[in-house]
Protein backbone atom coordinates (compact mmCIF):
# COMPACT_ATOMS: atom_id res chain seq x y z
CA UNK A 1 -15.49 19.96 -6.68
CA UNK A 2 -13.62 22.17 -4.25
CA UNK A 3 -14.98 25.46 -2.98
CA UNK A 4 -12.44 27.87 -1.50
CA UNK A 5 -13.65 30.65 0.76
CA UNK A 6 -10.83 33.05 1.63
CA UNK A 7 -11.34 35.84 4.14
CA UNK A 8 -8.93 38.69 4.88
CA UNK A 9 -7.33 38.78 8.31
CA UNK A 10 -7.52 42.03 10.25
CA UNK A 11 -9.41 43.72 7.43
CA UNK A 12 -10.77 46.48 9.69
CA UNK A 13 -7.26 47.87 10.16
CA UNK A 14 -5.79 46.99 6.76
CA UNK A 15 -6.23 47.93 3.13
CA UNK A 16 -8.60 45.95 0.91
CA UNK A 17 -6.46 43.11 -0.44
CA UNK A 18 -9.20 41.25 -2.34
CA UNK A 19 -8.54 42.75 -5.81
CA UNK A 20 -4.83 41.90 -5.73
CA UNK A 21 -5.45 38.34 -4.58
CA UNK A 22 -8.15 37.78 -7.21
CA UNK A 23 -5.74 39.05 -9.87
CA UNK A 24 -2.83 36.88 -8.75
CA UNK A 25 -4.98 33.72 -8.55
CA UNK A 26 -5.62 34.00 -12.29
CA UNK A 27 -2.09 32.71 -12.88
CA UNK A 28 -2.88 29.55 -10.91
CA UNK A 29 -6.28 28.43 -12.21
CA UNK A 30 -8.80 29.29 -14.93
CA UNK A 31 -11.55 29.09 -12.31
CA UNK A 32 -13.35 32.30 -11.41
CA UNK A 33 -12.57 33.81 -8.02
CA UNK A 34 -14.46 36.91 -6.99
CA UNK A 35 -15.49 38.91 -3.98
CA UNK A 36 -18.39 37.25 -2.20
CA UNK A 37 -19.04 39.64 0.67
CA UNK A 38 -16.94 42.24 2.47
CA UNK A 39 -13.24 41.34 2.41
CA UNK A 40 -13.89 37.76 1.35
CA UNK A 41 -13.51 35.97 -1.96
CA UNK A 42 -14.71 32.64 -3.20
CA UNK A 43 -14.10 30.29 -6.10
CA UNK A 44 -14.86 26.77 -7.32
CA UNK A 45 -12.13 24.57 -8.78
CA UNK A 46 -12.36 21.09 -10.26
CA UNK A 47 -8.72 20.07 -9.88
CA UNK A 48 -7.30 19.17 -6.47
CA UNK A 49 -3.83 20.40 -7.45
CA UNK A 50 -5.24 23.82 -8.29
CA UNK A 51 -7.01 23.91 -4.93
CA UNK A 52 -3.65 23.28 -3.25
CA UNK A 53 -1.96 25.96 -5.36
CA UNK A 54 -4.57 28.60 -4.52
CA UNK A 55 -4.66 27.75 -0.82
CA UNK A 56 -0.88 27.93 -0.39
CA UNK A 57 -0.67 31.10 -2.46
CA UNK A 58 -3.18 32.77 -0.15
CA UNK A 59 -1.28 31.62 2.94
CA UNK A 60 1.97 33.04 1.64
CA UNK A 61 1.37 36.66 2.58
CA UNK A 62 -0.10 35.91 6.00
CA UNK A 63 -3.16 38.04 5.29
CA UNK A 64 -5.84 35.40 4.77
CA UNK A 65 -7.94 32.70 6.39
CA UNK A 66 -8.44 29.81 3.97
CA UNK A 67 -11.35 27.38 3.99
CA UNK A 68 -11.67 24.45 1.58
CA UNK A 69 -15.01 22.70 1.24
CA UNK A 70 -15.26 19.36 -0.56
CA UNK A 71 -18.47 17.98 -1.98
CA UNK A 72 -21.26 18.59 -4.44
CA UNK A 73 -21.60 21.87 -6.33
CA UNK A 74 -24.48 23.15 -8.42
CA UNK A 75 -23.20 25.90 -10.65
CA UNK A 76 -23.94 26.71 -14.27
CA UNK A 77 -20.91 26.55 -16.63
CA UNK A 78 -19.17 29.89 -16.44
CA UNK A 79 -21.46 31.01 -13.63
CA UNK A 80 -20.48 33.22 -10.74
CA UNK A 81 -19.52 31.43 -7.52
CA UNK A 82 -22.10 33.65 -5.83
CA UNK A 83 -24.78 31.80 -7.81
CA UNK A 84 -23.63 28.34 -6.73
CA UNK A 85 -25.13 25.97 -4.21
CA UNK A 86 -24.39 22.54 -2.81
CA UNK A 87 -22.87 21.11 0.31
CA UNK A 88 -19.32 22.06 -0.75
CA UNK A 89 -20.31 25.71 -0.27
CA UNK A 90 -21.66 24.96 3.20
CA UNK A 91 -18.47 23.06 4.03
CA UNK A 92 -16.27 25.92 2.79
CA UNK A 93 -18.11 28.38 5.02
CA UNK A 94 -17.58 26.11 8.01
CA UNK A 95 -13.94 25.61 7.03
CA UNK A 96 -13.08 29.31 6.93
CA UNK A 97 -14.74 29.81 10.31
CA UNK A 98 -12.65 26.96 11.72
CA UNK A 99 -9.54 28.55 10.17
CA UNK A 100 -10.33 31.75 12.05
CA UNK A 101 -10.59 29.80 15.28
CA UNK A 102 -7.30 27.95 14.76
CA UNK A 103 -5.36 30.16 17.18
CA UNK A 104 -1.61 29.74 16.83
CA UNK A 105 -1.98 27.35 13.91
CA UNK A 106 -1.79 27.87 10.17
CA UNK A 107 -5.15 29.52 9.33
CA UNK A 108 -6.41 26.87 6.93
CA UNK A 109 -9.10 24.24 7.34
CA UNK A 110 -10.59 21.54 5.12
CA UNK A 111 -14.16 20.36 5.68
CA UNK A 112 -16.03 17.54 3.98
CA UNK A 113 -19.53 18.30 2.80
CA UNK A 114 -21.55 15.22 3.76
CA UNK A 115 -25.20 14.32 3.55
CA UNK A 116 -25.40 11.56 6.09
CA UNK A 117 -28.68 10.97 7.88
CA UNK A 118 -28.77 11.95 11.52
CA UNK A 119 -25.73 10.71 13.40
CA UNK A 120 -25.06 7.79 11.09
CA UNK A 121 -22.92 8.90 8.13
CA UNK A 122 -22.19 6.35 5.46
CA UNK A 123 -18.80 4.58 5.66
CA UNK A 124 -17.66 6.29 2.46
CA UNK A 125 -18.53 9.67 3.97
CA UNK A 126 -16.56 8.83 7.09
CA UNK A 127 -13.59 7.93 4.91
CA UNK A 128 -14.00 11.20 3.03
CA UNK A 129 -14.08 13.17 6.25
CA UNK A 130 -10.95 11.40 7.46
CA UNK A 131 -9.13 12.08 4.19
CA UNK A 132 -10.17 15.73 4.47
CA UNK A 133 -8.62 15.91 7.93
CA UNK A 134 -5.43 14.32 6.64
CA UNK A 135 -5.31 16.78 3.73
CA UNK A 136 -5.71 19.61 6.22
CA UNK A 137 -2.81 18.30 8.28
CA UNK A 138 -0.51 18.11 5.25
CA UNK A 139 -1.56 21.55 4.01
CA UNK A 140 -0.92 23.08 7.42
CA UNK A 141 2.55 21.56 7.52
CA UNK A 142 3.36 22.91 4.07
CA UNK A 143 1.65 26.18 4.91
CA UNK A 144 3.96 26.64 7.88
CA UNK A 145 6.96 26.45 5.54
CA UNK A 146 5.34 28.91 3.15
CA UNK A 147 4.46 31.41 5.88
CA UNK A 148 7.87 31.33 7.52
CA UNK A 149 9.83 31.91 4.31
CA UNK A 150 11.75 35.19 4.22
CA UNK A 151 11.69 37.69 1.35
CA UNK A 152 15.22 36.67 0.38
CA UNK A 153 14.19 33.01 0.28
CA UNK A 154 11.14 33.84 -1.81
CA UNK A 155 13.31 35.61 -4.37
CA UNK A 156 15.27 32.42 -4.93
CA UNK A 157 12.24 30.11 -4.78
CA UNK A 158 10.15 32.25 -7.13
CA UNK A 159 12.95 32.50 -9.66
CA UNK A 160 13.59 28.77 -9.57
CA UNK A 161 9.87 28.03 -9.99
CA UNK A 162 9.66 30.34 -12.98
CA UNK A 163 12.50 28.46 -14.63
CA UNK A 164 11.39 24.92 -13.96
CA UNK A 165 7.77 25.03 -12.89
CA UNK A 166 8.39 23.29 -9.60
CA UNK A 167 10.97 20.61 -9.03
CA UNK A 168 14.32 19.69 -10.48
CA UNK A 169 15.78 20.70 -13.79
CA UNK A 170 19.50 20.27 -14.31
CA UNK A 171 21.35 23.57 -14.24
CA UNK A 172 18.42 25.59 -12.89
CA UNK A 173 20.14 26.52 -9.63
CA UNK A 174 23.20 27.70 -11.53
CA UNK A 175 21.01 29.93 -13.69
CA UNK A 176 19.23 31.34 -10.64
CA UNK A 177 22.57 32.13 -9.03
CA UNK A 178 23.74 33.91 -12.17
CA UNK A 179 20.55 35.94 -12.56
CA UNK A 180 20.43 36.98 -8.90
CA UNK A 181 24.15 37.65 -8.67
CA UNK A 182 24.81 35.18 -5.88
CA UNK A 183 26.76 31.93 -5.61
CA UNK A 184 25.37 28.49 -6.34
CA UNK A 185 26.18 27.58 -2.76
CA UNK A 186 23.99 30.46 -1.55
CA UNK A 187 21.14 29.26 -3.74
CA UNK A 188 21.51 25.72 -2.42
CA UNK A 189 21.60 26.87 1.23
CA UNK A 190 18.62 29.16 0.73
CA UNK A 191 16.53 26.37 -0.80
CA UNK A 192 17.49 24.05 2.05
CA UNK A 193 16.52 26.56 4.73
CA UNK A 194 13.31 27.53 2.96
CA UNK A 195 11.94 23.98 2.95
CA UNK A 196 11.35 24.26 -0.78
CA UNK A 197 12.00 20.58 -1.53
CA UNK A 198 9.71 19.51 1.30
CA UNK A 199 6.98 21.82 0.04
CA UNK A 200 7.08 20.46 -3.48
CA UNK A 201 7.18 16.89 -2.24
CA UNK A 202 4.16 17.55 -0.01
CA UNK A 203 1.95 19.28 -2.57
CA UNK A 204 1.07 16.09 -4.51
CA UNK A 205 0.31 14.31 -1.23
CA UNK A 206 -2.14 17.04 -0.24
CA UNK A 207 -3.76 16.96 -3.69
CA UNK A 208 -4.06 13.16 -3.59
CA UNK A 209 -5.80 13.30 -0.20
CA UNK A 210 -8.17 16.02 -1.38
CA UNK A 211 -8.96 13.96 -4.47
CA UNK A 212 -9.62 10.82 -2.45
CA UNK A 213 -11.86 12.75 -0.07
CA UNK A 214 -13.78 14.18 -3.01
CA UNK A 215 -14.27 10.77 -4.61
CA UNK A 216 -15.56 9.19 -1.40
CA UNK A 217 -17.83 12.11 -0.51
CA UNK A 218 -19.39 12.70 -3.91
CA UNK A 219 -19.49 9.01 -4.78
CA UNK A 220 -21.49 8.21 -1.66
CA UNK A 221 -23.95 10.95 -2.52
CA UNK A 222 -24.52 10.04 -6.16
CA UNK A 223 -24.17 6.27 -6.17
CA UNK A 224 -24.75 5.22 -2.60
CA UNK A 225 -22.15 3.58 -0.39
CA UNK A 226 -20.36 0.64 -2.00
């Protein structure tokens, strides 16, 4: 599973943004996200694609540090994330702290929760840690596109997503242009400058890497290294 710990940036001089983020995440995943402590929220998701969706959604406003922990989770069905345990929670805590320390970079980190003995992790755990690092790199690249997008670009991107749920449906750009009262050429240029196609091409890659990391990490812990 994937534990996401999301902490508000500059919370001492800003309004409490946790309730709004918790509410908006409900449109992305059925998983429960709730305040854990202070201006921080936490949730556990089973699907790697949903983890990507939540992480990028949080990055969008520029108000959050995002940590993703991958590994084992002990949580009763329907239980509160605050009641959970497992090395994915430990990894998520480390990840959000690393995100805070990532000066000048996209404030997101991915950490593998491993249970290797001493300084000799199992090969599968090493592979999982490497895949986690690769997932982080892809998510930071996509996150940069998301964070740099202007309000005008978001209006076009959001409308297109609502019509087609992501990538290409014939005639969608024409409909967006009509609804927003702009030309098709303007829609096309806006999408090009926003990096929208690159984002939607990169999301599955990030999810695939998270999934591979999860399989290697949890597999090594439950079945031994094979």
